[in-house]
Amino acid sequence: MKKQYWILIILMGLAKFGLACPVCERQQPKVTMGLTHGAGPGSNWDWIIIGFMSIITLLTLFYSVKYLIKPGEKREDHIKQSILREEEYEN
């Protein structure tokens, strides 16, 4: 139980460093105020870039999880099968 308290204290301390300081909050637009450090997006092009990169990141996450859970390769000559067979021999 004592370990859980220390973990909670450490996480609460780290959360403070993840949020923006008062100086940075004044430089941010309302959308990102208090979330990040530094100056916010300077123009509309920055928002387009942020949106585009967010879409790419979400698609990458989706397909990574999808193919990790269900890869879909069932052929016996696929490299995955040779790796799985080697693990069987090692045990």
PDB file of N, CA and C in Angstrom:
ATOM      1  N   MET A   1       0.820  -1.190   0.000  1.00  0.00           N
ATOM      2  CA  MET A   1       0.000   0.000   0.000  1.00  0.00           C
ATOM      3  C   MET A   1       0.868   1.260   0.000  1.00  0.00           C
ATOM      4  N   LYS A   2       1.984   1.201   0.706  1.00  0.00           N
ATOM      5  CA  LYS A   2       2.887   2.345   0.768  1.00  0.00           C
ATOM      6  C   LYS A   2       3.466   2.654  -0.614  1.00  0.00           C
ATOM      7  N   LYS A   3       3.715   1.601  -1.387  1.00  0.00           N
ATOM      8  CA  LYS A   3       4.256   1.769  -2.741  1.00  0.00           C
ATOM      9  C   LYS A   3       3.278   2.545  -3.622  1.00  0.00           C
ATOM     10  N   GLN A   4       1.997   2.289  -3.474  1.00  0.00           N
ATOM     11  CA  GLN A   4       0.987   2.988  -4.260  1.00  0.00           C
ATOM     12  C   GLN A   4       0.967   4.475  -3.935  1.00  0.00           C
ATOM     13  N   TYR A   5       1.159   4.821  -2.674  1.00  0.00           N
ATOM     14  CA  TYR A   5       1.195   6.228  -2.300  1.00  0.00           C
ATOM     15  C   TYR A   5       2.387   6.938  -2.933  1.00  0.00           C
ATOM     16  N   TRP A   6       3.539   6.280  -2.944  1.00  0.00           N
ATOM     17  CA  TRP A   6       4.711   6.883  -3.566  1.00  0.00           C
ATOM     18  C   TRP A   6       4.525   7.056  -5.073  1.00  0.00           C
ATOM     19  N   ILE A   7       3.922   6.078  -5.703  1.00  0.00           N
ATOM     20  CA  ILE A   7       3.653   6.188  -7.142  1.00  0.00           C
ATOM     21  C   ILE A   7       2.710   7.349  -7.409  1.00  0.00           C
ATOM     22  N   LEU A   8       1.679   7.508  -6.596  1.00  0.00           N
ATOM     23  CA  LEU A   8       0.730   8.610  -6.755  1.00  0.00           C
ATOM     24  C   LEU A   8       1.420   9.954  -6.568  1.00  0.00           C
ATOM     25  N   ILE A   9       2.277  10.065  -5.581  1.00  0.00           N
ATOM     26  CA  ILE A   9       2.996  11.320  -5.335  1.00  0.00           C
ATOM     27  C   ILE A   9       3.913  11.654  -6.507  1.00  0.00           C
ATOM     28  N   ILE A  10       4.607  10.656  -7.016  1.00  0.00           N
ATOM     29  CA  ILE A  10       5.507  10.875  -8.152  1.00  0.00           C
ATOM     30  C   ILE A  10       4.722  11.303  -9.387  1.00  0.00           C
ATOM     31  N   LEU A  11       3.608  10.644  -9.665  1.00  0.00           N
ATOM     32  CA  LEU A  11       2.795  11.006 -10.831  1.00  0.00           C
ATOM     33  C   LEU A  11       2.230  12.410 -10.706  1.00  0.00           C
ATOM     34  N   MET A  12       1.811  12.795  -9.516  1.00  0.00           N
ATOM     35  CA  MET A  12       1.298  14.145  -9.310  1.00  0.00           C
ATOM     36  C   MET A  12       2.402  15.185  -9.504  1.00  0.00           C
ATOM     37  N   GLY A  13       3.615  14.831  -9.082  1.00  0.00           N
ATOM     38  CA  GLY A  13       4.745  15.732  -9.286  1.00  0.00           C
ATOM     39  C   GLY A  13       5.106  15.869 -10.751  1.00  0.00           C
ATOM     40  N   LEU A  14       5.053  14.777 -11.492  1.00  0.00           N
ATOM     41  CA  LEU A  14       5.360  14.824 -12.920  1.00  0.00           C
ATOM     42  C   LEU A  14       4.297  15.580 -13.701  1.00  0.00           C
ATOM     43  N   ALA A  15       3.061  15.542 -13.247  1.00  0.00           N
ATOM     44  CA  ALA A  15       1.982  16.257 -13.937  1.00  0.00           C
ATOM     45  C   ALA A  15       2.237  17.753 -13.930  1.00  0.00           C
ATOM     46  N   LYS A  16       2.871  18.246 -12.889  1.00  0.00           N
ATOM     47  CA  LYS A  16       3.170  19.672 -12.810  1.00  0.00           C
ATOM     48  C   LYS A  16       4.110  20.093 -13.930  1.00  0.00           C
ATOM     49  N   PHE A  17       5.075  19.236 -14.265  1.00  0.00           N
ATOM     50  CA  PHE A  17       6.027  19.573 -15.313  1.00  0.00           C
ATOM     51  C   PHE A  17       5.414  19.453 -16.708  1.00  0.00           C
ATOM     52  N   GLY A  18       4.346  18.725 -16.847  1.00  0.00           N
ATOM     53  CA  GLY A  18       3.718  18.531 -18.143  1.00  0.00           C
ATOM     54  C   GLY A  18       2.825  19.678 -18.565  1.00  0.00           C
ATOM     55  N   LEU A  19       2.442  20.525 -17.621  1.00  0.00           N
ATOM     56  CA  LEU A  19       1.555  21.640 -17.932  1.00  0.00           C
ATOM     57  C   LEU A  19       2.369  22.908 -18.166  1.00  0.00           C
ATOM     58  N   ALA A  20       1.758  23.857 -18.831  1.00  0.00           N
ATOM     59  CA  ALA A  20       2.458  25.088 -19.189  1.00  0.00           C
ATOM     60  C   ALA A  20       2.639  25.997 -17.976  1.00  0.00           C
ATOM     61  N   CYS A  21       3.712  26.752 -18.007  1.00  0.00           N
ATOM     62  CA  CYS A  21       3.959  27.739 -16.964  1.00  0.00           C
ATOM     63  C   CYS A  21       3.132  28.992 -17.269  1.00  0.00           C
ATOM     64  N   PRO A  22       2.995  29.908 -16.313  1.00  0.00           N
ATOM     65  CA  PRO A  22       2.165  31.101 -16.535  1.00  0.00           C
ATOM     66  C   PRO A  22       2.617  31.962 -17.708  1.00  0.00           C
ATOM     67  N   VAL A  23       3.921  32.050 -17.945  1.00  0.00           N
ATOM     68  CA  VAL A  23       4.416  32.852 -19.066  1.00  0.00           C
ATOM     69  C   VAL A  23       3.973  32.241 -20.394  1.00  0.00           C
ATOM     70  N   CYS A  24       4.082  30.925 -20.491  1.00  0.00           N
ATOM     71  CA  CYS A  24       3.698  30.244 -21.735  1.00  0.00           C
ATOM     72  C   CYS A  24       2.183  30.277 -21.942  1.00  0.00           C
ATOM     73  N   GLU A  25       1.428  30.252 -20.860  1.00  0.00           N
ATOM     74  CA  GLU A  25      -0.031  30.295 -20.994  1.00  0.00           C
ATOM     75  C   GLU A  25      -0.487  31.567 -21.693  1.00  0.00           C
ATOM     76  N   ARG A  26       0.171  32.690 -21.421  1.00  0.00           N
ATOM     77  CA  ARG A  26      -0.226  33.955 -22.048  1.00  0.00           C
ATOM     78  C   ARG A  26       0.093  33.972 -23.534  1.00  0.00           C
ATOM     79  N   GLN A  27       1.057  33.154 -23.981  1.00  0.00           N
ATOM     80  CA  GLN A  27       1.441  33.133 -25.394  1.00  0.00           C
ATOM     81  C   GLN A  27       0.599  32.174 -26.222  1.00  0.00           C
ATOM     82  N   GLN A  28      -0.159  31.329 -25.575  1.00  0.00           N
ATOM     83  CA  GLN A  28      -0.929  30.299 -26.272  1.00  0.00           C
ATOM     84  C   GLN A  28      -2.309  30.812 -26.682  1.00  0.00           C
ATOM     85  N   PRO A  29      -2.862  30.307 -27.785  1.00  0.00           N
ATOM     86  CA  PRO A  29      -4.259  30.595 -28.116  1.00  0.00           C
ATOM     87  C   PRO A  29      -5.179  29.844 -27.150  1.00  0.00           C
ATOM     88  N   LYS A  30      -6.453  30.184 -27.146  1.00  0.00           N
ATOM     89  CA  LYS A  30      -7.399  29.604 -26.190  1.00  0.00           C
ATOM     90  C   LYS A  30      -7.492  28.085 -26.299  1.00  0.00           C
ATOM     91  N   VAL A  31      -7.307  27.543 -27.481  1.00  0.00           N
ATOM     92  CA  VAL A  31      -7.438  26.098 -27.693  1.00  0.00           C
ATOM     93  C   VAL A  31      -6.379  25.323 -26.928  1.00  0.00           C
ATOM     94  N   THR A  32      -5.145  25.802 -26.934  1.00  0.00           N
ATOM     95  CA  THR A  32      -4.053  25.071 -26.296  1.00  0.00           C
ATOM     96  C   THR A  32      -3.558  25.734 -25.014  1.00  0.00           C
ATOM     97  N   MET A  33      -4.289  26.698 -24.504  1.00  0.00           N
ATOM     98  CA  MET A  33      -3.854  27.424 -23.313  1.00  0.00           C
ATOM     99  C   MET A  33      -3.725  26.485 -22.117  1.00  0.00           C
ATOM    100  N   GLY A  34      -2.571  26.510 -21.483  1.00  0.00           N
ATOM    101  CA  GLY A  34      -2.334  25.707 -20.303  1.00  0.00           C
ATOM    102  C   GLY A  34      -1.878  24.284 -20.585  1.00  0.00           C
ATOM    103  N   LEU A  35      -1.799  23.885 -21.837  1.00  0.00           N
ATOM    104  CA  LEU A  35      -1.427  22.511 -22.166  1.00  0.00           C
ATOM    105  C   LEU A  35       0.024  22.349 -22.577  1.00  0.00           C
ATOM    106  N   THR A  36       0.577  23.339 -23.264  1.00  0.00           N
ATOM    107  CA  THR A  36       1.919  23.197 -23.812  1.00  0.00           C
ATOM    108  C   THR A  36       2.779  24.407 -23.478  1.00  0.00           C
ATOM    109  N   HIS A  37       4.090  24.222 -23.589  1.00  0.00           N
ATOM    110  CA  HIS A  37       5.045  25.304 -23.379  1.00  0.00           C
ATOM    111  C   HIS A  37       5.347  25.972 -24.709  1.00  0.00           C
ATOM    112  N   GLY A  38       5.836  27.190 -24.653  1.00  0.00           N
ATOM    113  CA  GLY A  38       6.275  27.898 -25.844  1.00  0.00           C
ATOM    114  C   GLY A  38       5.138  28.650 -26.508  1.00  0.00           C
ATOM    115  N   ALA A  39       5.489  29.303 -27.581  1.00  0.00           N
ATOM    116  CA  ALA A  39       4.489  30.056 -28.343  1.00  0.00           C
ATOM    117  C   ALA A  39       3.589  29.100 -29.102  1.00  0.00           C
ATOM    118  N   GLY A  40       2.370  29.488 -29.283  1.00  0.00           N
ATOM    119  CA  GLY A  40       1.417  28.659 -30.005  1.00  0.00           C
ATOM    120  C   GLY A  40       1.587  28.796 -31.498  1.00  0.00           C
ATOM    121  N   PRO A  41       0.711  28.156 -32.237  1.00  0.00           N
ATOM    122  CA  PRO A  41       0.765  28.256 -33.698  1.00  0.00           C
ATOM    123  C   PRO A  41       0.677  29.712 -34.147  1.00  0.00           C
ATOM    124  N   GLY A  42       1.541  30.074 -35.096  1.00  0.00           N
ATOM    125  CA  GLY A  42       1.617  31.460 -35.537  1.00  0.00           C
ATOM    126  C   GLY A  42       0.659  31.817 -36.654  1.00  0.00           C
ATOM    127  N   SER A  43       0.226  30.857 -37.434  1.00  0.00           N
ATOM    128  CA  SER A  43      -0.673  31.155 -38.548  1.00  0.00           C
ATOM    129  C   SER A  43      -1.628  29.984 -38.765  1.00  0.00           C
ATOM    130  N   ASN A  44      -2.529  30.165 -39.729  1.00  0.00           N
ATOM    131  CA  ASN A  44      -3.476  29.091 -40.050  1.00  0.00           C
ATOM    132  C   ASN A  44      -2.774  27.877 -40.651  1.00  0.00           C
ATOM    133  N   TRP A  45      -1.646  28.099 -41.320  1.00  0.00           N
ATOM    134  CA  TRP A  45      -0.890  26.970 -41.882  1.00  0.00           C
ATOM    135  C   TRP A  45      -0.404  26.039 -40.777  1.00  0.00           C
ATOM    136  N   ASP A  46      -0.048  26.610 -39.633  1.00  0.00           N
ATOM    137  CA  ASP A  46       0.392  25.775 -38.512  1.00  0.00           C
ATOM    138  C   ASP A  46      -0.731  24.857 -38.053  1.00  0.00           C
ATOM    139  N   TRP A  47      -1.951  25.353 -38.019  1.00  0.00           N
ATOM    140  CA  TRP A  47      -3.095  24.521 -37.614  1.00  0.00           C
ATOM    141  C   TRP A  47      -3.351  23.410 -38.619  1.00  0.00           C
ATOM    142  N   ILE A  48      -3.174  23.716 -39.906  1.00  0.00           N
ATOM    143  CA  ILE A  48      -3.349  22.697 -40.945  1.00  0.00           C
ATOM    144  C   ILE A  48      -2.299  21.603 -40.782  1.00  0.00           C
ATOM    145  N   ILE A  49      -1.053  22.005 -40.518  1.00  0.00           N
ATOM    146  CA  ILE A  49       0.024  21.033 -40.326  1.00  0.00           C
ATOM    147  C   ILE A  49      -0.259  20.181 -39.092  1.00  0.00           C
ATOM    148  N   ILE A  50      -0.683  20.808 -37.999  1.00  0.00           N
ATOM    149  CA  ILE A  50      -0.999  20.074 -36.776  1.00  0.00           C
ATOM    150  C   ILE A  50      -2.125  19.072 -37.030  1.00  0.00           C
ATOM    151  N   GLY A  51      -3.167  19.488 -37.729  1.00  0.00           N
ATOM    152  CA  GLY A  51      -4.276  18.583 -38.042  1.00  0.00           C
ATOM    153  C   GLY A  51      -3.830  17.418 -38.911  1.00  0.00           C
ATOM    154  N   PHE A  52      -3.033  17.714 -39.932  1.00  0.00           N
ATOM    155  CA  PHE A  52      -2.540  16.670 -40.838  1.00  0.00           C
ATOM    156  C   PHE A  52      -1.677  15.662 -40.085  1.00  0.00           C
ATOM    157  N   MET A  53      -0.787  16.150 -39.237  1.00  0.00           N
ATOM    158  CA  MET A  53       0.077  15.246 -38.473  1.00  0.00           C
ATOM    159  C   MET A  53      -0.728  14.441 -37.449  1.00  0.00           C
ATOM    160  N   SER A  54      -1.775  15.027 -36.910  1.00  0.00           N
ATOM    161  CA  SER A  54      -2.634  14.297 -35.976  1.00  0.00           C
ATOM    162  C   SER A  54      -3.350  13.152 -36.683  1.00  0.00           C
ATOM    163  N   ILE A  55      -3.826  13.406 -37.891  1.00  0.00           N
ATOM    164  CA  ILE A  55      -4.492  12.362 -38.675  1.00  0.00           C
ATOM    165  C   ILE A  55      -3.513  11.226 -38.989  1.00  0.00           C
ATOM    166  N   ILE A  56      -2.305  11.572 -39.407  1.00  0.00           N
ATOM    167  CA  ILE A  56      -1.300  10.550 -39.704  1.00  0.00           C
ATOM    168  C   ILE A  56      -0.981   9.731 -38.455  1.00  0.00           C
ATOM    169  N   THR A  57      -0.851  10.402 -37.316  1.00  0.00           N
ATOM    170  CA  THR A  57      -0.541   9.702 -36.068  1.00  0.00           C
ATOM    171  C   THR A  57      -1.660   8.752 -35.678  1.00  0.00           C
ATOM    172  N   LEU A  58      -2.904   9.198 -35.783  1.00  0.00           N
ATOM    173  CA  LEU A  58      -4.037   8.346 -35.428  1.00  0.00           C
ATOM    174  C   LEU A  58      -4.171   7.155 -36.373  1.00  0.00           C
ATOM    175  N   LEU A  59      -3.939   7.382 -37.669  1.00  0.00           N
ATOM    176  CA  LEU A  59      -3.980   6.268 -38.623  1.00  0.00           C
ATOM    177  C   LEU A  59      -2.868   5.251 -38.330  1.00  0.00           C
ATOM    178  N   THR A  60      -1.682   5.747 -38.021  1.00  0.00           N
ATOM    179  CA  THR A  60      -0.577   4.865 -37.676  1.00  0.00           C
ATOM    180  C   THR A  60      -0.894   4.046 -36.436  1.00  0.00           C
ATOM    181  N   LEU A  61      -1.455   4.681 -35.435  1.00  0.00           N
ATOM    182  CA  LEU A  61      -1.836   3.975 -34.217  1.00  0.00           C
ATOM    183  C   LEU A  61      -2.895   2.915 -34.515  1.00  0.00           C
ATOM    184  N   PHE A  62      -3.900   3.275 -35.305  1.00  0.00           N
ATOM    185  CA  PHE A  62      -4.971   2.341 -35.642  1.00  0.00           C
ATOM    186  C   PHE A  62      -4.424   1.102 -36.341  1.00  0.00           C
ATOM    187  N   TYR A  63      -3.621   1.309 -37.394  1.00  0.00           N
ATOM    188  CA  TYR A  63      -3.110   0.164 -38.146  1.00  0.00           C
ATOM    189  C   TYR A  63      -2.075  -0.640 -37.348  1.00  0.00           C
ATOM    190  N   SER A  64      -1.313   0.018 -36.483  1.00  0.00           N
ATOM    191  CA  SER A  64      -0.366  -0.713 -35.641  1.00  0.00           C
ATOM    192  C   SER A  64      -1.102  -1.665 -34.714  1.00  0.00           C
ATOM    193  N   VAL A  65      -2.140  -1.174 -34.074  1.00  0.00           N
ATOM    194  CA  VAL A  65      -2.911  -2.022 -33.164  1.00  0.00           C
ATOM    195  C   VAL A  65      -3.645  -3.108 -33.943  1.00  0.00           C
ATOM    196  N   LYS A  66      -4.205  -2.738 -35.085  1.00  0.00           N
ATOM    197  CA  LYS A  66      -4.951  -3.706 -35.897  1.00  0.00           C
ATOM    198  C   LYS A  66      -4.067  -4.877 -36.323  1.00  0.00           C
ATOM    199  N   TYR A  67      -2.883  -4.586 -36.849  1.00  0.00           N
ATOM    200  CA  TYR A  67      -2.013  -5.661 -37.332  1.00  0.00           C
ATOM    201  C   TYR A  67      -1.258  -6.348 -36.206  1.00  0.00           C
ATOM    202  N   LEU A  68      -1.178  -5.725 -35.063  1.00  0.00           N
ATOM    203  CA  LEU A  68      -0.592  -6.396 -33.914  1.00  0.00           C
ATOM    204  C   LEU A  68      -1.555  -7.435 -33.356  1.00  0.00           C
ATOM    205  N   ILE A  69      -2.825  -7.092 -33.322  1.00  0.00           N
ATOM    206  CA  ILE A  69      -3.832  -8.003 -32.786  1.00  0.00           C
ATOM    207  C   ILE A  69      -4.139  -9.135 -33.764  1.00  0.00           C
ATOM    208  N   LYS A  70      -4.321  -8.795 -35.030  1.00  0.00           N
ATOM    209  CA  LYS A  70      -4.693  -9.797 -36.029  1.00  0.00           C
ATOM    210  C   LYS A  70      -3.865  -9.575 -37.300  1.00  0.00           C
ATOM    211  N   PRO A  71      -2.674 -10.170 -37.368  1.00  0.00           N
ATOM    212  CA  PRO A  71      -1.801  -9.907 -38.504  1.00  0.00           C
ATOM    213  C   PRO A  71      -2.323 -10.425 -39.839  1.00  0.00           C
ATOM    214  N   GLY A  72      -3.013 -11.535 -39.860  1.00  0.00           N
ATOM    215  CA  GLY A  72      -3.630 -12.007 -41.092  1.00  0.00           C
ATOM    216  C   GLY A  72      -2.757 -12.889 -41.969  1.00  0.00           C
ATOM    217  N   GLU A  73      -1.515 -13.110 -41.640  1.00  0.00           N
ATOM    218  CA  GLU A  73      -0.658 -13.988 -42.428  1.00  0.00           C
ATOM    219  C   GLU A  73      -0.759 -15.405 -41.898  1.00  0.00           C
ATOM    220  N   LYS A  74      -1.211 -16.319 -42.746  1.00  0.00           N
ATOM    221  CA  LYS A  74      -1.389 -17.702 -42.315  1.00  0.00           C
ATOM    222  C   LYS A  74      -0.607 -18.699 -43.178  1.00  0.00           C
ATOM    223  N   ARG A  75       0.107 -18.207 -44.190  1.00  0.00           N
ATOM    224  CA  ARG A  75       0.880 -19.101 -45.052  1.00  0.00           C
ATOM    225  C   ARG A  75       2.035 -19.728 -44.276  1.00  0.00           C
ATOM    226  N   GLU A  76       2.345 -20.965 -44.605  1.00  0.00           N
ATOM    227  CA  GLU A  76       3.422 -21.683 -43.924  1.00  0.00           C
ATOM    228  C   GLU A  76       4.806 -21.155 -44.294  1.00  0.00           C
ATOM    229  N   ASP A  77       4.951 -20.506 -45.468  1.00  0.00           N
ATOM    230  CA  ASP A  77       6.265 -20.016 -45.860  1.00  0.00           C
ATOM    231  C   ASP A  77       6.505 -18.565 -45.433  1.00  0.00           C
ATOM    232  N   HIS A  78       5.606 -17.977 -44.665  1.00  0.00           N
ATOM    233  CA  HIS A  78       5.787 -16.613 -44.187  1.00  0.00           C
ATOM    234  C   HIS A  78       6.882 -16.581 -43.117  1.00  0.00           C
ATOM    235  N   ILE A  79       7.635 -15.506 -43.061  1.00  0.00           N
ATOM    236  CA  ILE A  79       8.771 -15.431 -42.140  1.00  0.00           C
ATOM    237  C   ILE A  79       8.334 -15.558 -40.681  1.00  0.00           C
ATOM    238  N   LYS A  80       7.123 -15.146 -40.397  1.00  0.00           N
ATOM    239  CA  LYS A  80       6.604 -15.261 -39.033  1.00  0.00           C
ATOM    240  C   LYS A  80       6.612 -16.715 -38.575  1.00  0.00           C
ATOM    241  N   GLN A  81       6.291 -17.622 -39.470  1.00  0.00           N
ATOM    242  CA  GLN A  81       6.233 -19.036 -39.113  1.00  0.00           C
ATOM    243  C   GLN A  81       7.623 -19.577 -38.782  1.00  0.00           C
ATOM    244  N   SER A  82       8.634 -19.122 -39.502  1.00  0.00           N
ATOM    245  CA  SER A  82       9.992 -19.597 -39.201  1.00  0.00           C
ATOM    246  C   SER A  82      10.454 -19.083 -37.844  1.00  0.00           C
ATOM    247  N   ILE A  83      10.070 -17.878 -37.485  1.00  0.00           N
ATOM    248  CA  ILE A  83      10.428 -17.334 -36.170  1.00  0.00           C
ATOM    249  C   ILE A  83       9.695 -18.097 -35.076  1.00  0.00           C
ATOM    250  N   LEU A  84       8.416 -18.380 -35.286  1.00  0.00           N
ATOM    251  CA  LEU A  84       7.653 -19.116 -34.286  1.00  0.00           C
ATOM    252  C   LEU A  84       8.191 -20.534 -34.109  1.00  0.00           C
ATOM    253  N   ARG A  85       8.616 -21.157 -35.194  1.00  0.00           N
ATOM    254  CA  ARG A  85       9.176 -22.505 -35.091  1.00  0.00           C
ATOM    255  C   ARG A  85      10.485 -22.503 -34.330  1.00  0.00           C
ATOM    256  N   GLU A  86      11.313 -21.480 -34.488  1.00  0.00           N
ATOM    257  CA  GLU A  86      12.573 -21.390 -33.753  1.00  0.00           C
ATOM    258  C   GLU A  86      12.324 -21.280 -32.273  1.00  0.00           C
ATOM    259  N   GLU A  87      11.295 -20.535 -31.876  1.00  0.00           N
ATOM    260  CA  GLU A  87      10.972 -20.407 -30.452  1.00  0.00           C
ATOM    261  C   GLU A  87      10.522 -21.751 -29.879  1.00  0.00           C
ATOM    262  N   GLU A  88       9.840 -22.558 -30.676  1.00  0.00           N
ATOM    263  CA  GLU A  88       9.415 -23.874 -30.207  1.00  0.00           C
ATOM    264  C   GLU A  88      10.632 -24.756 -29.943  1.00  0.00           C
ATOM    265  N   TYR A  89      11.651 -24.650 -30.804  1.00  0.00           N
ATOM    266  CA  TYR A  89      12.843 -25.481 -30.635  1.00  0.00           C
ATOM    267  C   TYR A  89      13.650 -25.068 -29.423  1.00  0.00           C
ATOM    268  N   GLU A  90      13.646 -23.776 -29.091  1.00  0.00           N
ATOM    269  CA  GLU A  90      14.414 -23.294 -27.958  1.00  0.00           C
ATOM    270  C   GLU A  90      13.826 -23.756 -26.640  1.00  0.00           C
ATOM    271  N   ASN A  91      12.532 -23.929 -26.570  1.00  0.00           N
ATOM    272  CA  ASN A  91      11.876 -24.348 -25.324  1.00  0.00           C
ATOM    273  C   ASN A  91      12.055 -25.792 -25.166  1.00  0.00           C
TER     274      ASN A  91
END
